[in-house]
Amino acid sequence: MDHMIPITNSGGTWPMDMHGWSWTEVTTKKYQAIVYAVGSLEDGYDNYSYKHLTLLNKRNGKVIAEYSGDEITISETGWIDETEFYRKRPSVVAF
């Protein structure tokens, strides 16, 4: 899992203005799920403009299903203030 909240508008290291992104991969005995979501500046901290989830067959790598947009619900809770960076992040993310 990777959850990034870039520093922008202040000479930060990320080239686009956004609130952040979340990338998660989960592997079970039979399946692999990959989720990618990007939050725009207008989304605030609790929404994503772009969401995509792919479910794969672990044995042969074939796509079983793909979901995007409103087909995916992302719930983030347990917000932690990162005062050094003037940002906050969730301690729990559920898809």
PDB file of N, CA and C in Angstrom:
ATOM      1  N   MET A   1       0.849  -1.180   0.000  1.00  0.00           N
ATOM      2  CA  MET A   1       0.000   0.000   0.000  1.00  0.00           C
ATOM      3  C   MET A   1       0.884   1.228   0.000  1.00  0.00           C
ATOM      4  N   ASP A   2       0.479   2.208  -0.753  1.00  0.00           N
ATOM      5  CA  ASP A   2       1.182   3.487  -0.774  1.00  0.00           C
ATOM      6  C   ASP A   2       0.129   4.573  -0.787  1.00  0.00           C
ATOM      7  N   HIS A   3       0.236   5.500   0.125  1.00  0.00           N
ATOM      8  CA  HIS A   3      -0.717   6.602   0.209  1.00  0.00           C
ATOM      9  C   HIS A   3       0.100   7.880   0.237  1.00  0.00           C
ATOM     10  N   MET A   4       0.010   8.675  -0.810  1.00  0.00           N
ATOM     11  CA  MET A   4       0.859   9.857  -0.920  1.00  0.00           C
ATOM     12  C   MET A   4       0.041  11.129  -0.869  1.00  0.00           C
ATOM     13  N   ILE A   5       0.514  12.074  -0.093  1.00  0.00           N
ATOM     14  CA  ILE A   5      -0.062  13.416  -0.071  1.00  0.00           C
ATOM     15  C   ILE A   5       1.067  14.364  -0.459  1.00  0.00           C
ATOM     16  N   PRO A   6       1.139  14.766  -1.728  1.00  0.00           N
ATOM     17  CA  PRO A   6       2.266  15.561  -2.209  1.00  0.00           C
ATOM     18  C   PRO A   6       2.245  16.987  -1.681  1.00  0.00           C
ATOM     19  N   ILE A   7       3.412  17.579  -1.637  1.00  0.00           N
ATOM     20  CA  ILE A   7       3.524  18.995  -1.283  1.00  0.00           C
ATOM     21  C   ILE A   7       3.641  19.761  -2.592  1.00  0.00           C
ATOM     22  N   THR A   8       2.683  20.629  -2.869  1.00  0.00           N
ATOM     23  CA  THR A   8       2.682  21.405  -4.106  1.00  0.00           C
ATOM     24  C   THR A   8       2.434  22.874  -3.784  1.00  0.00           C
ATOM     25  N   ASN A   9       2.480  23.704  -4.783  1.00  0.00           N
ATOM     26  CA  ASN A   9       2.267  25.152  -4.657  1.00  0.00           C
ATOM     27  C   ASN A   9       3.294  25.821  -3.757  1.00  0.00           C
ATOM     28  N   SER A  10       4.221  25.079  -3.201  1.00  0.00           N
ATOM     29  CA  SER A  10       5.220  25.673  -2.325  1.00  0.00           C
ATOM     30  C   SER A  10       6.618  25.220  -2.726  1.00  0.00           C
ATOM     31  N   GLY A  11       6.759  24.864  -3.997  1.00  0.00           N
ATOM     32  CA  GLY A  11       8.053  24.393  -4.452  1.00  0.00           C
ATOM     33  C   GLY A  11       8.308  22.946  -4.118  1.00  0.00           C
ATOM     34  N   GLY A  12       7.234  22.199  -3.870  1.00  0.00           N
ATOM     35  CA  GLY A  12       7.360  20.790  -3.505  1.00  0.00           C
ATOM     36  C   GLY A  12       7.899  19.951  -4.640  1.00  0.00           C
ATOM     37  N   THR A  13       7.991  18.673  -4.418  1.00  0.00           N
ATOM     38  CA  THR A  13       8.629  17.773  -5.372  1.00  0.00           C
ATOM     39  C   THR A  13       7.669  17.129  -6.354  1.00  0.00           C
ATOM     40  N   TRP A  14       6.358  17.337  -6.235  1.00  0.00           N
ATOM     41  CA  TRP A  14       5.398  16.686  -7.121  1.00  0.00           C
ATOM     42  C   TRP A  14       4.979  17.644  -8.222  1.00  0.00           C
ATOM     43  N   PRO A  15       4.973  17.226  -9.496  1.00  0.00           N
ATOM     44  CA  PRO A  15       4.734  18.148 -10.603  1.00  0.00           C
ATOM     45  C   PRO A  15       3.283  18.544 -10.851  1.00  0.00           C
ATOM     46  N   MET A  16       2.302  17.916 -10.181  1.00  0.00           N
ATOM     47  CA  MET A  16       0.905  18.294 -10.420  1.00  0.00           C
ATOM     48  C   MET A  16       0.227  18.632  -9.104  1.00  0.00           C
ATOM     49  N   ASP A  17      -0.717  19.570  -9.154  1.00  0.00           N
ATOM     50  CA  ASP A  17      -1.444  19.972  -7.959  1.00  0.00           C
ATOM     51  C   ASP A  17      -2.579  18.996  -7.697  1.00  0.00           C
ATOM     52  N   MET A  18      -2.503  18.269  -6.596  1.00  0.00           N
ATOM     53  CA  MET A  18      -3.545  17.325  -6.211  1.00  0.00           C
ATOM     54  C   MET A  18      -3.447  17.108  -4.714  1.00  0.00           C
ATOM     55  N   HIS A  19      -4.504  16.562  -4.144  1.00  0.00           N
ATOM     56  CA  HIS A  19      -4.496  16.282  -2.716  1.00  0.00           C
ATOM     57  C   HIS A  19      -3.754  14.999  -2.377  1.00  0.00           C
ATOM     58  N   GLY A  20      -3.654  14.097  -3.311  1.00  0.00           N
ATOM     59  CA  GLY A  20      -2.905  12.873  -3.053  1.00  0.00           C
ATOM     60  C   GLY A  20      -3.398  11.715  -3.870  1.00  0.00           C
ATOM     61  N   TRP A  21      -2.788  10.573  -3.631  1.00  0.00           N
ATOM     62  CA  TRP A  21      -3.189   9.374  -4.326  1.00  0.00           C
ATOM     63  C   TRP A  21      -3.014   8.177  -3.416  1.00  0.00           C
ATOM     64  N   SER A  22      -3.712   7.121  -3.771  1.00  0.00           N
ATOM     65  CA  SER A  22      -3.649   5.891  -2.998  1.00  0.00           C
ATOM     66  C   SER A  22      -3.502   4.730  -3.967  1.00  0.00           C
ATOM     67  N   TRP A  23      -2.553   3.859  -3.692  1.00  0.00           N
ATOM     68  CA  TRP A  23      -2.327   2.676  -4.501  1.00  0.00           C
ATOM     69  C   TRP A  23      -2.244   1.493  -3.560  1.00  0.00           C
ATOM     70  N   THR A  24      -3.019   0.456  -3.827  1.00  0.00           N
ATOM     71  CA  THR A  24      -3.052  -0.713  -2.950  1.00  0.00           C
ATOM     72  C   THR A  24      -3.080  -1.985  -3.789  1.00  0.00           C
ATOM     73  N   GLU A  25      -2.335  -2.992  -3.334  1.00  0.00           N
ATOM     74  CA  GLU A  25      -2.347  -4.301  -3.973  1.00  0.00           C
ATOM     75  C   GLU A  25      -2.536  -5.339  -2.876  1.00  0.00           C
ATOM     76  N   VAL A  26      -3.480  -6.269  -3.111  1.00  0.00           N
ATOM     77  CA  VAL A  26      -3.742  -7.352  -2.160  1.00  0.00           C
ATOM     78  C   VAL A  26      -3.712  -8.664  -2.937  1.00  0.00           C
ATOM     79  N   THR A  27      -2.972  -9.646  -2.412  1.00  0.00           N
ATOM     80  CA  THR A  27      -2.887 -10.956  -3.047  1.00  0.00           C
ATOM     81  C   THR A  27      -3.398 -12.020  -2.088  1.00  0.00           C
ATOM     82  N   THR A  28      -4.312 -12.866  -2.575  1.00  0.00           N
ATOM     83  CA  THR A  28      -4.815 -14.007  -1.808  1.00  0.00           C
ATOM     84  C   THR A  28      -4.332 -15.283  -2.514  1.00  0.00           C
ATOM     85  N   LYS A  29      -4.818 -16.436  -2.077  1.00  0.00           N
ATOM     86  CA  LYS A  29      -4.400 -17.687  -2.714  1.00  0.00           C
ATOM     87  C   LYS A  29      -4.815 -17.769  -4.179  1.00  0.00           C
ATOM     88  N   LYS A  30      -5.983 -17.195  -4.521  1.00  0.00           N
ATOM     89  CA  LYS A  30      -6.499 -17.316  -5.881  1.00  0.00           C
ATOM     90  C   LYS A  30      -6.525 -16.005  -6.670  1.00  0.00           C
ATOM     91  N   TYR A  31      -6.543 -14.872  -5.979  1.00  0.00           N
ATOM     92  CA  TYR A  31      -6.782 -13.602  -6.654  1.00  0.00           C
ATOM     93  C   TYR A  31      -5.751 -12.542  -6.283  1.00  0.00           C
ATOM     94  N   GLN A  32      -5.685 -11.524  -7.126  1.00  0.00           N
ATOM     95  CA  GLN A  32      -4.899 -10.333  -6.838  1.00  0.00           C
ATOM     96  C   GLN A  32      -5.772  -9.130  -7.192  1.00  0.00           C
ATOM     97  N   ALA A  33      -5.845  -8.173  -6.278  1.00  0.00           N
ATOM     98  CA  ALA A  33      -6.623  -6.961  -6.513  1.00  0.00           C
ATOM     99  C   ALA A  33      -5.680  -5.769  -6.464  1.00  0.00           C
ATOM    100  N   ILE A  34      -5.838  -4.862  -7.426  1.00  0.00           N
ATOM    101  CA  ILE A  34      -5.022  -3.658  -7.501  1.00  0.00           C
ATOM    102  C   ILE A  34      -5.965  -2.457  -7.593  1.00  0.00           C
ATOM    103  N   VAL A  35      -5.773  -1.489  -6.696  1.00  0.00           N
ATOM    104  CA  VAL A  35      -6.615  -0.292  -6.666  1.00  0.00           C
ATOM    105  C   VAL A  35      -5.723   0.931  -6.784  1.00  0.00           C
ATOM    106  N   TYR A  36      -6.157   1.885  -7.614  1.00  0.00           N
ATOM    107  CA  TYR A  36      -5.428   3.139  -7.783  1.00  0.00           C
ATOM    108  C   TYR A  36      -6.439   4.272  -7.763  1.00  0.00           C
ATOM    109  N   ALA A  37      -6.181   5.290  -6.959  1.00  0.00           N
ATOM    110  CA  ALA A  37      -7.101   6.427  -6.871  1.00  0.00           C
ATOM    111  C   ALA A  37      -6.316   7.733  -6.756  1.00  0.00           C
ATOM    112  N   VAL A  38      -6.801   8.788  -7.426  1.00  0.00           N
ATOM    113  CA  VAL A  38      -6.158  10.105  -7.388  1.00  0.00           C
ATOM    114  C   VAL A  38      -7.183  11.139  -6.935  1.00  0.00           C
ATOM    115  N   GLY A  39      -6.799  11.971  -5.978  1.00  0.00           N
ATOM    116  CA  GLY A  39      -7.669  13.040  -5.489  1.00  0.00           C
ATOM    117  C   GLY A  39      -7.219  14.398  -6.005  1.00  0.00           C
ATOM    118  N   SER A  40      -8.112  15.119  -6.653  1.00  0.00           N
ATOM    119  CA  SER A  40      -7.767  16.453  -7.152  1.00  0.00           C
ATOM    120  C   SER A  40      -7.842  17.467  -6.015  1.00  0.00           C
ATOM    121  N   LEU A  41      -7.422  18.683  -6.271  1.00  0.00           N
ATOM    122  CA  LEU A  41      -7.504  19.734  -5.262  1.00  0.00           C
ATOM    123  C   LEU A  41      -8.945  19.996  -4.850  1.00  0.00           C
ATOM    124  N   GLU A  42      -9.887  19.883  -5.797  1.00  0.00           N
ATOM    125  CA  GLU A  42     -11.295  20.111  -5.509  1.00  0.00           C
ATOM    126  C   GLU A  42     -11.908  18.994  -4.655  1.00  0.00           C
ATOM    127  N   ASP A  43     -11.293  17.821  -4.648  1.00  0.00           N
ATOM    128  CA  ASP A  43     -11.823  16.676  -3.914  1.00  0.00           C
ATOM    129  C   ASP A  43     -11.642  16.783  -2.410  1.00  0.00           C
ATOM    130  N   GLY A  44     -10.738  17.626  -1.960  1.00  0.00           N
ATOM    131  CA  GLY A  44     -10.437  17.672  -0.534  1.00  0.00           C
ATOM    132  C   GLY A  44      -9.704  16.414  -0.119  1.00  0.00           C
ATOM    133  N   TYR A  45      -9.799  16.067   1.145  1.00  0.00           N
ATOM    134  CA  TYR A  45      -9.066  14.907   1.639  1.00  0.00           C
ATOM    135  C   TYR A  45      -9.875  13.620   1.606  1.00  0.00           C
ATOM    136  N   ASP A  46     -11.175  13.682   1.364  1.00  0.00           N
ATOM    137  CA  ASP A  46     -11.984  12.472   1.508  1.00  0.00           C
ATOM    138  C   ASP A  46     -12.710  12.042   0.236  1.00  0.00           C
ATOM    139  N   ASN A  47     -12.176  12.414  -0.918  1.00  0.00           N
ATOM    140  CA  ASN A  47     -12.800  12.013  -2.170  1.00  0.00           C
ATOM    141  C   ASN A  47     -11.710  11.838  -3.225  1.00  0.00           C
ATOM    142  N   TYR A  48     -12.028  11.095  -4.281  1.00  0.00           N
ATOM    143  CA  TYR A  48     -11.080  10.865  -5.364  1.00  0.00           C
ATOM    144  C   TYR A  48     -11.772  11.102  -6.699  1.00  0.00           C
ATOM    145  N   SER A  49     -11.155  11.883  -7.584  1.00  0.00           N
ATOM    146  CA  SER A  49     -11.695  12.124  -8.922  1.00  0.00           C
ATOM    147  C   SER A  49     -11.541  10.900  -9.810  1.00  0.00           C
ATOM    148  N   TYR A  50     -10.475  10.146  -9.597  1.00  0.00           N
ATOM    149  CA  TYR A  50     -10.196   8.979 -10.427  1.00  0.00           C
ATOM    150  C   TYR A  50     -10.043   7.757  -9.520  1.00  0.00           C
ATOM    151  N   LYS A  51     -10.782   6.680  -9.833  1.00  0.00           N
ATOM    152  CA  LYS A  51     -10.685   5.431  -9.077  1.00  0.00           C
ATOM    153  C   LYS A  51     -10.729   4.267 -10.059  1.00  0.00           C
ATOM    154  N   HIS A  52      -9.840   3.298  -9.857  1.00  0.00           N
ATOM    155  CA  HIS A  52      -9.830   2.115 -10.713  1.00  0.00           C
ATOM    156  C   HIS A  52      -9.395   0.908  -9.893  1.00  0.00           C
ATOM    157  N   LEU A  53     -10.126  -0.211 -10.036  1.00  0.00           N
ATOM    158  CA  LEU A  53      -9.806  -1.461  -9.350  1.00  0.00           C
ATOM    159  C   LEU A  53      -9.785  -2.582 -10.380  1.00  0.00           C
ATOM    160  N   THR A  54      -8.731  -3.378 -10.358  1.00  0.00           N
ATOM    161  CA  THR A  54      -8.611  -4.534 -11.252  1.00  0.00           C
ATOM    162  C   THR A  54      -8.481  -5.796 -10.406  1.00  0.00           C
ATOM    163  N   LEU A  55      -9.274  -6.815 -10.721  1.00  0.00           N
ATOM    164  CA  LEU A  55      -9.215  -8.105 -10.050  1.00  0.00           C
ATOM    165  C   LEU A  55      -8.632  -9.114 -11.040  1.00  0.00           C
ATOM    166  N   LEU A  56      -7.537  -9.773 -10.639  1.00  0.00           N
ATOM    167  CA  LEU A  56      -6.828 -10.709 -11.510  1.00  0.00           C
ATOM    168  C   LEU A  56      -6.872 -12.127 -10.964  1.00  0.00           C
ATOM    169  N   ASN A  57      -6.843 -13.095 -11.881  1.00  0.00           N
ATOM    170  CA  ASN A  57      -6.645 -14.487 -11.510  1.00  0.00           C
ATOM    171  C   ASN A  57      -5.159 -14.643 -11.207  1.00  0.00           C
ATOM    172  N   LYS A  58      -4.820 -15.038  -9.996  1.00  0.00           N
ATOM    173  CA  LYS A  58      -3.414 -15.104  -9.584  1.00  0.00           C
ATOM    174  C   LYS A  58      -2.619 -16.144 -10.375  1.00  0.00           C
ATOM    175  N   ARG A  59      -3.242 -17.239 -10.746  1.00  0.00           N
ATOM    176  CA  ARG A  59      -2.517 -18.309 -11.439  1.00  0.00           C
ATOM    177  C   ARG A  59      -2.119 -17.958 -12.862  1.00  0.00           C
ATOM    178  N   ASN A  60      -3.034 -17.316 -13.608  1.00  0.00           N
ATOM    179  CA  ASN A  60      -2.715 -17.056 -15.010  1.00  0.00           C
ATOM    180  C   ASN A  60      -2.611 -15.564 -15.361  1.00  0.00           C
ATOM    181  N   GLY A  61      -2.887 -14.681 -14.408  1.00  0.00           N
ATOM    182  CA  GLY A  61      -2.747 -13.244 -14.639  1.00  0.00           C
ATOM    183  C   GLY A  61      -3.857 -12.615 -15.453  1.00  0.00           C
ATOM    184  N   LYS A  62      -4.888 -13.369 -15.781  1.00  0.00           N
ATOM    185  CA  LYS A  62      -5.988 -12.827 -16.588  1.00  0.00           C
ATOM    186  C   LYS A  62      -6.898 -11.939 -15.740  1.00  0.00           C
ATOM    187  N   VAL A  63      -7.388 -10.882 -16.366  1.00  0.00           N
ATOM    188  CA  VAL A  63      -8.297  -9.956 -15.693  1.00  0.00           C
ATOM    189  C   VAL A  63      -9.654 -10.627 -15.521  1.00  0.00           C
ATOM    190  N   ILE A  64     -10.121 -10.691 -14.284  1.00  0.00           N
ATOM    191  CA  ILE A  64     -11.434 -11.254 -13.975  1.00  0.00           C
ATOM    192  C   ILE A  64     -12.498 -10.169 -14.070  1.00  0.00           C
ATOM    193  N   ALA A  65     -12.184  -8.989 -13.522  1.00  0.00           N
ATOM    194  CA  ALA A  65     -13.137  -7.877 -13.536  1.00  0.00           C
ATOM    195  C   ALA A  65     -12.382  -6.566 -13.338  1.00  0.00           C
ATOM    196  N   GLU A  66     -12.989  -5.491 -13.840  1.00  0.00           N
ATOM    197  CA  GLU A  66     -12.448  -4.152 -13.622  1.00  0.00           C
ATOM    198  C   GLU A  66     -13.590  -3.236 -13.200  1.00  0.00           C
ATOM    199  N   TYR A  67     -13.287  -2.346 -12.284  1.00  0.00           N
ATOM    200  CA  TYR A  67     -14.273  -1.398 -11.772  1.00  0.00           C
ATOM    201  C   TYR A  67     -13.654  -0.009 -11.783  1.00  0.00           C
ATOM    202  N   SER A  68     -14.500   1.018 -11.949  1.00  0.00           N
ATOM    203  CA  SER A  68     -13.984   2.382 -11.925  1.00  0.00           C
ATOM    204  C   SER A  68     -15.062   3.347 -11.457  1.00  0.00           C
ATOM    205  N   GLY A  69     -14.630   4.544 -11.127  1.00  0.00           N
ATOM    206  CA  GLY A  69     -15.554   5.606 -10.730  1.00  0.00           C
ATOM    207  C   GLY A  69     -16.422   5.228  -9.551  1.00  0.00           C
ATOM    208  N   ASP A  70     -17.737   5.448  -9.701  1.00  0.00           N
ATOM    209  CA  ASP A  70     -18.691   5.226  -8.614  1.00  0.00           C
ATOM    210  C   ASP A  70     -18.914   3.749  -8.280  1.00  0.00           C
ATOM    211  N   GLU A  71     -18.340   2.844  -9.059  1.00  0.00           N
ATOM    212  CA  GLU A  71     -18.429   1.423  -8.734  1.00  0.00           C
ATOM    213  C   GLU A  71     -17.540   1.074  -7.536  1.00  0.00           C
ATOM    214  N   ILE A  72     -16.650   1.988  -7.152  1.00  0.00           N
ATOM    215  CA  ILE A  72     -15.706   1.762  -6.058  1.00  0.00           C
ATOM    216  C   ILE A  72     -15.990   2.744  -4.937  1.00  0.00           C
ATOM    217  N   THR A  73     -16.077   2.233  -3.712  1.00  0.00           N
ATOM    218  CA  THR A  73     -16.229   3.083  -2.534  1.00  0.00           C
ATOM    219  C   THR A  73     -14.937   3.023  -1.732  1.00  0.00           C
ATOM    220  N   ILE A  74     -14.415   4.183  -1.366  1.00  0.00           N
ATOM    221  CA  ILE A  74     -13.208   4.253  -0.555  1.00  0.00           C
ATOM    222  C   ILE A  74     -13.559   4.987   0.731  1.00  0.00           C
ATOM    223  N   SER A  75     -13.322   4.335   1.845  1.00  0.00           N
ATOM    224  CA  SER A  75     -13.597   4.926   3.153  1.00  0.00           C
ATOM    225  C   SER A  75     -12.272   5.117   3.893  1.00  0.00           C
ATOM    226  N   GLU A  76     -12.004   6.347   4.307  1.00  0.00           N
ATOM    227  CA  GLU A  76     -10.770   6.656   5.033  1.00  0.00           C
ATOM    228  C   GLU A  76     -11.135   7.208   6.408  1.00  0.00           C
ATOM    229  N   THR A  77     -10.558   6.631   7.446  1.00  0.00           N
ATOM    230  CA  THR A  77     -10.861   7.054   8.815  1.00  0.00           C
ATOM    231  C   THR A  77      -9.575   7.154   9.626  1.00  0.00           C
ATOM    232  N   GLY A  78      -9.717   7.649  10.854  1.00  0.00           N
ATOM    233  CA  GLY A  78      -8.575   7.755  11.754  1.00  0.00           C
ATOM    234  C   GLY A  78      -7.545   8.756  11.281  1.00  0.00           C
ATOM    235  N   TRP A  79      -7.998   9.952  10.931  1.00  0.00           N
ATOM    236  CA  TRP A  79      -7.109  10.963  10.344  1.00  0.00           C
ATOM    237  C   TRP A  79      -6.028  11.407  11.332  1.00  0.00           C
ATOM    238  N   ILE A  80      -4.809  11.506  10.823  1.00  0.00           N
ATOM    239  CA  ILE A  80      -3.642  11.923  11.603  1.00  0.00           C
ATOM    240  C   ILE A  80      -3.094  13.204  10.994  1.00  0.00           C
ATOM    241  N   ASP A  81      -2.892  14.234  11.810  1.00  0.00           N
ATOM    242  CA  ASP A  81      -2.302  15.489  11.339  1.00  0.00           C
ATOM    243  C   ASP A  81      -0.796  15.332  11.190  1.00  0.00           C
ATOM    244  N   GLU A  82      -0.309  15.635  10.004  1.00  0.00           N
ATOM    245  CA  GLU A  82       1.133  15.673   9.755  1.00  0.00           C
ATOM    246  C   GLU A  82       1.537  17.146   9.785  1.00  0.00           C
ATOM    247  N   THR A  83       1.677  17.686  10.968  1.00  0.00           N
ATOM    248  CA  THR A  83       1.864  19.137  11.138  1.00  0.00           C
ATOM    249  C   THR A  83       3.130  19.657  10.458  1.00  0.00           C
ATOM    250  N   GLU A  84       4.143  18.825  10.371  1.00  0.00           N
ATOM    251  CA  GLU A  84       5.388  19.250   9.723  1.00  0.00           C
ATOM    252  C   GLU A  84       5.163  19.603   8.256  1.00  0.00           C
ATOM    253  N   PHE A  85       4.202  18.904   7.610  1.00  0.00           N
ATOM    254  CA  PHE A  85       3.933  19.096   6.186  1.00  0.00           C
ATOM    255  C   PHE A  85       2.613  19.813   5.914  1.00  0.00           C
ATOM    256  N   TYR A  86       1.917  20.236   6.967  1.00  0.00           N
ATOM    257  CA  TYR A  86       0.622  20.915   6.835  1.00  0.00           C
ATOM    258  C   TYR A  86      -0.387  20.064   6.068  1.00  0.00           C
ATOM    259  N   ARG A  87      -0.382  18.773   6.319  1.00  0.00           N
ATOM    260  CA  ARG A  87      -1.284  17.823   5.672  1.00  0.00           C
ATOM    261  C   ARG A  87      -1.836  16.873   6.729  1.00  0.00           C
ATOM    262  N   LYS A  88      -2.819  16.065   6.333  1.00  0.00           N
ATOM    263  CA  LYS A  88      -3.299  15.001   7.194  1.00  0.00           C
ATOM    264  C   LYS A  88      -3.458  13.733   6.372  1.00  0.00           C
ATOM    265  N   ARG A  89      -3.460  12.566   7.054  1.00  0.00           N
ATOM    266  CA  ARG A  89      -3.556  11.292   6.358  1.00  0.00           C
ATOM    267  C   ARG A  89      -4.410  10.343   7.181  1.00  0.00           C
ATOM    268  N   PRO A  90      -5.047   9.374   6.501  1.00  0.00           N
ATOM    269  CA  PRO A  90      -5.865   8.394   7.233  1.00  0.00           C
ATOM    270  C   PRO A  90      -4.993   7.286   7.799  1.00  0.00           C
ATOM    271  N   SER A  91      -5.404   6.723   8.924  1.00  0.00           N
ATOM    272  CA  SER A  91      -4.700   5.550   9.448  1.00  0.00           C
ATOM    273  C   SER A  91      -5.371   4.264   8.983  1.00  0.00           C
ATOM    274  N   VAL A  92      -6.623   4.365   8.454  1.00  0.00           N
ATOM    275  CA  VAL A  92      -7.345   3.199   7.934  1.00  0.00           C
ATOM    276  C   VAL A  92      -7.964   3.569   6.586  1.00  0.00           C
ATOM    277  N   VAL A  93      -7.736   2.727   5.576  1.00  0.00           N
ATOM    278  CA  VAL A  93      -8.353   2.905   4.260  1.00  0.00           C
ATOM    279  C   VAL A  93      -9.049   1.589   3.903  1.00  0.00           C
ATOM    280  N   ALA A  94     -10.362   1.669   3.590  1.00  0.00           N
ATOM    281  CA  ALA A  94     -11.134   0.481   3.210  1.00  0.00           C
ATOM    282  C   ALA A  94     -11.705   0.684   1.810  1.00  0.00           C
ATOM    283  N   PHE A  95     -11.585  -0.346   0.970  1.00  0.00           N
ATOM    284  CA  PHE A  95     -12.117  -0.304  -0.403  1.00  0.00           C
ATOM    285  C   PHE A  95     -13.297  -1.238  -0.500  1.00  0.00           C
TER     286      PHE A  95
END
